[in-house]
Amino acid sequence: MRRFIWIIMATIMVTSCHHATLEDRAAKMAADYTERYCPTPPENYVVTDSVTFDRDAKTFNYYYRFTDKADNIETINKSKKLLDKELTEGLRENTTMKVYKEASYNFNYVFRSNKTGNILYSKHLSAKDYNVKQSQKRQRR
């Protein structure tokens, strides 16, 4: 009987000690999203190719392709400020990523040409960019 109790206690201790880290959750979320949804159908001339997570840099990497009318470097160059604003505001409002933003993770966006494969636009956002309180402080200075 004692042996049986020790086995149960040992099993409980071993299984209760295994907790997924935030990095584990991030990597799984990125891999699951890519496996389930990527590549996405074009929406507003953009295809999502994949999402990855870099544990060392604590960075989510989003890979996209511009298609049709948007697959034009001149158009992208004219729209960079708007793209910067849209990505930053979109991340600020994204509640799904709240726990990662609270942990000051980074978010990297890479947009390639569907025709050539060249990078047409990229943006890296860190906590100082998407944290509303921090960015308001920077604007006041």
C-alpha atoms as a PDB file:
ATOM      1  CA  MET A   1       0.000   0.000   0.000  1.00  0.00           C
ATOM      2  CA  ARG A   2       2.815   2.418   0.873  1.00  0.00           C
ATOM      3  CA  ARG A   3       4.485   1.712  -2.428  1.00  0.00           C
ATOM      4  CA  PHE A   4       1.252   2.472  -4.265  1.00  0.00           C
ATOM      5  CA  ILE A   5       0.925   5.837  -2.465  1.00  0.00           C
ATOM      6  CA  TRP A   6       4.547   6.739  -3.290  1.00  0.00           C
ATOM      7  CA  ILE A   7       3.989   5.914  -6.965  1.00  0.00           C
ATOM      8  CA  ILE A   8       0.897   8.116  -7.089  1.00  0.00           C
ATOM      9  CA  MET A   9       2.680  10.984  -5.316  1.00  0.00           C
ATOM     10  CA  ALA A  10       5.698  10.707  -7.602  1.00  0.00           C
ATOM     11  CA  THR A  11       3.454  10.730 -10.670  1.00  0.00           C
ATOM     12  CA  ILE A  12       1.616  13.815  -9.448  1.00  0.00           C
ATOM     13  CA  MET A  13       4.872  15.635  -8.709  1.00  0.00           C
ATOM     14  CA  VAL A  14       6.390  14.824 -12.095  1.00  0.00           C
ATOM     15  CA  THR A  15       3.323  15.799 -14.100  1.00  0.00           C
ATOM     16  CA  SER A  16       2.574  18.950 -12.116  1.00  0.00           C
ATOM     17  CA  CYS A  17       6.107  20.315 -12.587  1.00  0.00           C
ATOM     18  CA  HIS A  18       5.935  20.442 -16.369  1.00  0.00           C
ATOM     19  CA  HIS A  19       4.830  23.922 -17.366  1.00  0.00           C
ATOM     20  CA  ALA A  20       5.171  25.265 -20.863  1.00  0.00           C
ATOM     21  CA  THR A  21       7.193  28.463 -20.920  1.00  0.00           C
ATOM     22  CA  LEU A  22       5.926  31.540 -22.686  1.00  0.00           C
ATOM     23  CA  GLU A  23       8.509  30.875 -25.400  1.00  0.00           C
ATOM     24  CA  ASP A  24       7.137  27.326 -25.808  1.00  0.00           C
ATOM     25  CA  ARG A  25       3.623  28.692 -26.164  1.00  0.00           C
ATOM     26  CA  ALA A  26       4.757  31.313 -28.682  1.00  0.00           C
ATOM     27  CA  ALA A  27       6.605  28.766 -30.823  1.00  0.00           C
ATOM     28  CA  LYS A  28       3.620  26.408 -30.775  1.00  0.00           C
ATOM     29  CA  MET A  29       1.178  29.173 -31.623  1.00  0.00           C
ATOM     30  CA  ALA A  30       3.280  30.304 -34.605  1.00  0.00           C
ATOM     31  CA  ALA A  31       3.772  26.747 -35.883  1.00  0.00           C
ATOM     32  CA  ASP A  32       0.081  25.884 -35.456  1.00  0.00           C
ATOM     33  CA  TYR A  33      -1.037  29.028 -37.276  1.00  0.00           C
ATOM     34  CA  THR A  34       1.305  28.342 -40.186  1.00  0.00           C
ATOM     35  CA  GLU A  35       0.253  24.706 -40.431  1.00  0.00           C
ATOM     36  CA  ARG A  36      -3.472  25.468 -40.333  1.00  0.00           C
ATOM     37  CA  TYR A  37      -3.815  28.623 -42.367  1.00  0.00           C
ATOM     38  CA  CYS A  38      -0.766  29.297 -44.528  1.00  0.00           C
ATOM     39  CA  PRO A  39      -0.550  30.247 -47.231  1.00  0.00           C
ATOM     40  CA  THR A  40      -3.743  32.242 -46.861  1.00  0.00           C
ATOM     41  CA  PRO A  41      -5.907  33.273 -49.790  1.00  0.00           C
ATOM     42  CA  PRO A  42      -5.085  36.807 -50.967  1.00  0.00           C
ATOM     43  CA  GLU A  43      -6.804  39.516 -48.944  1.00  0.00           C
ATOM     44  CA  ASN A  44      -6.292  43.131 -50.005  1.00  0.00           C
ATOM     45  CA  TYR A  45      -3.504  41.907 -52.310  1.00  0.00           C
ATOM     46  CA  VAL A  46      -1.591  40.250 -49.457  1.00  0.00           C
ATOM     47  CA  VAL A  47      -0.932  36.549 -48.813  1.00  0.00           C
ATOM     48  CA  THR A  48       0.303  35.351 -45.431  1.00  0.00           C
ATOM     49  CA  ASP A  49       3.007  32.757 -46.110  1.00  0.00           C
ATOM     50  CA  SER A  50       4.038  31.828 -42.573  1.00  0.00           C
ATOM     51  CA  VAL A  51       4.571  32.856 -38.977  1.00  0.00           C
ATOM     52  CA  THR A  52       7.662  31.789 -37.037  1.00  0.00           C
ATOM     53  CA  PHE A  53       9.019  32.473 -33.590  1.00  0.00           C
ATOM     54  CA  ASP A  54      12.678  33.124 -32.770  1.00  0.00           C
ATOM     55  CA  ARG A  55      13.245  32.098 -29.131  1.00  0.00           C
ATOM     56  CA  ASP A  56      16.619  33.828 -28.747  1.00  0.00           C
ATOM     57  CA  ALA A  57      15.346  37.187 -29.987  1.00  0.00           C
ATOM     58  CA  LYS A  58      11.825  36.666 -28.566  1.00  0.00           C
ATOM     59  CA  THR A  59      10.475  37.718 -31.930  1.00  0.00           C
ATOM     60  CA  PHE A  60       7.423  36.700 -33.930  1.00  0.00           C
ATOM     61  CA  ASN A  61       8.236  36.806 -37.653  1.00  0.00           C
ATOM     62  CA  TYR A  62       5.384  37.269 -40.113  1.00  0.00           C
ATOM     63  CA  TYR A  63       6.092  36.554 -43.777  1.00  0.00           C
ATOM     64  CA  TYR A  64       3.781  37.971 -46.426  1.00  0.00           C
ATOM     65  CA  ARG A  65       3.630  38.371 -50.199  1.00  0.00           C
ATOM     66  CA  PHE A  66       2.206  41.327 -52.080  1.00  0.00           C
ATOM     67  CA  THR A  67       0.140  40.306 -55.104  1.00  0.00           C
ATOM     68  CA  ASP A  68      -1.448  41.997 -58.102  1.00  0.00           C
ATOM     69  CA  LYS A  69      -1.681  45.805 -57.746  1.00  0.00           C
ATOM     70  CA  ALA A  70       0.260  45.875 -54.468  1.00  0.00           C
ATOM     71  CA  ASP A  71       3.223  43.996 -55.966  1.00  0.00           C
ATOM     72  CA  ASN A  72       4.883  47.234 -57.049  1.00  0.00           C
ATOM     73  CA  ILE A  73       7.872  48.851 -55.349  1.00  0.00           C
ATOM     74  CA  GLU A  74       6.779  52.400 -56.284  1.00  0.00           C
ATOM     75  CA  THR A  75       3.371  51.848 -54.667  1.00  0.00           C
ATOM     76  CA  ILE A  76       4.993  50.410 -51.550  1.00  0.00           C
ATOM     77  CA  ASN A  77       7.498  53.262 -51.266  1.00  0.00           C
ATOM     78  CA  LYS A  78       4.657  55.794 -51.450  1.00  0.00           C
ATOM     79  CA  SER A  79       2.707  53.892 -48.783  1.00  0.00           C
ATOM     80  CA  LYS A  80       5.453  53.177 -46.211  1.00  0.00           C
ATOM     81  CA  LYS A  81       4.183  55.658 -43.620  1.00  0.00           C
ATOM     82  CA  LEU A  82       0.676  54.272 -43.913  1.00  0.00           C
ATOM     83  CA  LEU A  83       1.966  50.684 -43.665  1.00  0.00           C
ATOM     84  CA  ASP A  84       4.047  51.607 -40.594  1.00  0.00           C
ATOM     85  CA  LYS A  85       1.012  53.173 -38.945  1.00  0.00           C
ATOM     86  CA  GLU A  86      -1.340  50.302 -39.804  1.00  0.00           C
ATOM     87  CA  LEU A  87       1.039  47.613 -38.508  1.00  0.00           C
ATOM     88  CA  THR A  88       1.760  49.505 -35.289  1.00  0.00           C
ATOM     89  CA  GLU A  89      -1.885  50.292 -34.546  1.00  0.00           C
ATOM     90  CA  GLY A  90      -2.940  46.782 -35.510  1.00  0.00           C
ATOM     91  CA  LEU A  91      -0.477  45.301 -33.045  1.00  0.00           C
ATOM     92  CA  ARG A  92      -1.517  47.727 -30.300  1.00  0.00           C
ATOM     93  CA  GLU A  93      -5.144  46.663 -30.727  1.00  0.00           C
ATOM     94  CA  ASN A  94      -4.394  42.933 -31.056  1.00  0.00           C
ATOM     95  CA  THR A  95      -5.695  41.281 -27.883  1.00  0.00           C
ATOM     96  CA  THR A  96      -4.540  37.811 -28.948  1.00  0.00           C
ATOM     97  CA  MET A  97      -0.923  38.895 -28.498  1.00  0.00           C
ATOM     98  CA  LYS A  98      -1.486  40.664 -25.160  1.00  0.00           C
ATOM     99  CA  VAL A  99       0.593  38.264 -23.043  1.00  0.00           C
ATOM    100  CA  TYR A 100       3.508  38.507 -25.488  1.00  0.00           C
ATOM    101  CA  LYS A 101       3.313  42.287 -25.625  1.00  0.00           C
ATOM    102  CA  GLU A 102       3.299  42.411 -21.826  1.00  0.00           C
ATOM    103  CA  ALA A 103       6.505  40.345 -21.925  1.00  0.00           C
ATOM    104  CA  SER A 104       8.011  42.888 -24.379  1.00  0.00           C
ATOM    105  CA  TYR A 105       8.305  40.469 -27.300  1.00  0.00           C
ATOM    106  CA  ASN A 106       9.256  41.781 -30.741  1.00  0.00           C
ATOM    107  CA  PHE A 107       7.269  41.527 -33.944  1.00  0.00           C
ATOM    108  CA  ASN A 108       8.894  41.463 -37.361  1.00  0.00           C
ATOM    109  CA  TYR A 109       6.956  41.813 -40.623  1.00  0.00           C
ATOM    110  CA  VAL A 110       8.467  40.946 -44.007  1.00  0.00           C
ATOM    111  CA  PHE A 111       6.598  41.558 -47.253  1.00  0.00           C
ATOM    112  CA  ARG A 112       7.965  40.064 -50.468  1.00  0.00           C
ATOM    113  CA  SER A 113       7.050  40.476 -54.094  1.00  0.00           C
ATOM    114  CA  ASN A 114       4.979  37.613 -55.455  1.00  0.00           C
ATOM    115  CA  LYS A 115       6.648  38.136 -58.846  1.00  0.00           C
ATOM    116  CA  THR A 116      10.321  38.388 -57.882  1.00  0.00           C
ATOM    117  CA  GLY A 117      10.560  37.182 -54.278  1.00  0.00           C
ATOM    118  CA  ASN A 118      12.434  40.372 -53.340  1.00  0.00           C
ATOM    119  CA  ILE A 119      11.660  42.078 -50.054  1.00  0.00           C
ATOM    120  CA  LEU A 120       9.543  45.144 -50.801  1.00  0.00           C
ATOM    121  CA  TYR A 121       8.882  46.221 -47.227  1.00  0.00           C
ATOM    122  CA  SER A 122       9.821  45.148 -43.721  1.00  0.00           C
ATOM    123  CA  LYS A 123       9.058  46.501 -40.286  1.00  0.00           C
ATOM    124  CA  HIS A 124      10.347  45.555 -36.836  1.00  0.00           C
ATOM    125  CA  LEU A 125       8.230  46.527 -33.823  1.00  0.00           C
ATOM    126  CA  SER A 126       9.472  46.341 -30.252  1.00  0.00           C
ATOM    127  CA  ALA A 127       7.793  47.283 -26.979  1.00  0.00           C
ATOM    128  CA  LYS A 128       8.812  50.921 -27.403  1.00  0.00           C
ATOM    129  CA  ASP A 129       6.852  50.983 -30.675  1.00  0.00           C
ATOM    130  CA  TYR A 130       3.634  49.221 -29.687  1.00  0.00           C
ATOM    131  CA  ASN A 131       3.403  50.105 -25.997  1.00  0.00           C
ATOM    132  CA  VAL A 132       0.963  53.010 -25.933  1.00  0.00           C
ATOM    133  CA  LYS A 133       2.340  54.549 -22.721  1.00  0.00           C
ATOM    134  CA  GLN A 134       5.942  54.449 -23.942  1.00  0.00           C
ATOM    135  CA  SER A 135       5.143  55.809 -27.395  1.00  0.00           C
ATOM    136  CA  GLN A 136       3.079  58.654 -25.879  1.00  0.00           C
ATOM    137  CA  LYS A 137       6.081  59.611 -23.731  1.00  0.00           C
ATOM    138  CA  ARG A 138       8.304  59.665 -26.835  1.00  0.00           C
ATOM    139  CA  GLN A 139       5.837  61.890 -28.700  1.00  0.00           C
ATOM    140  CA  ARG A 140       5.784  64.440 -25.863  1.00  0.00           C
ATOM    141  CA  ARG A 141       9.573  64.858 -25.946  1.00  0.00           C
END
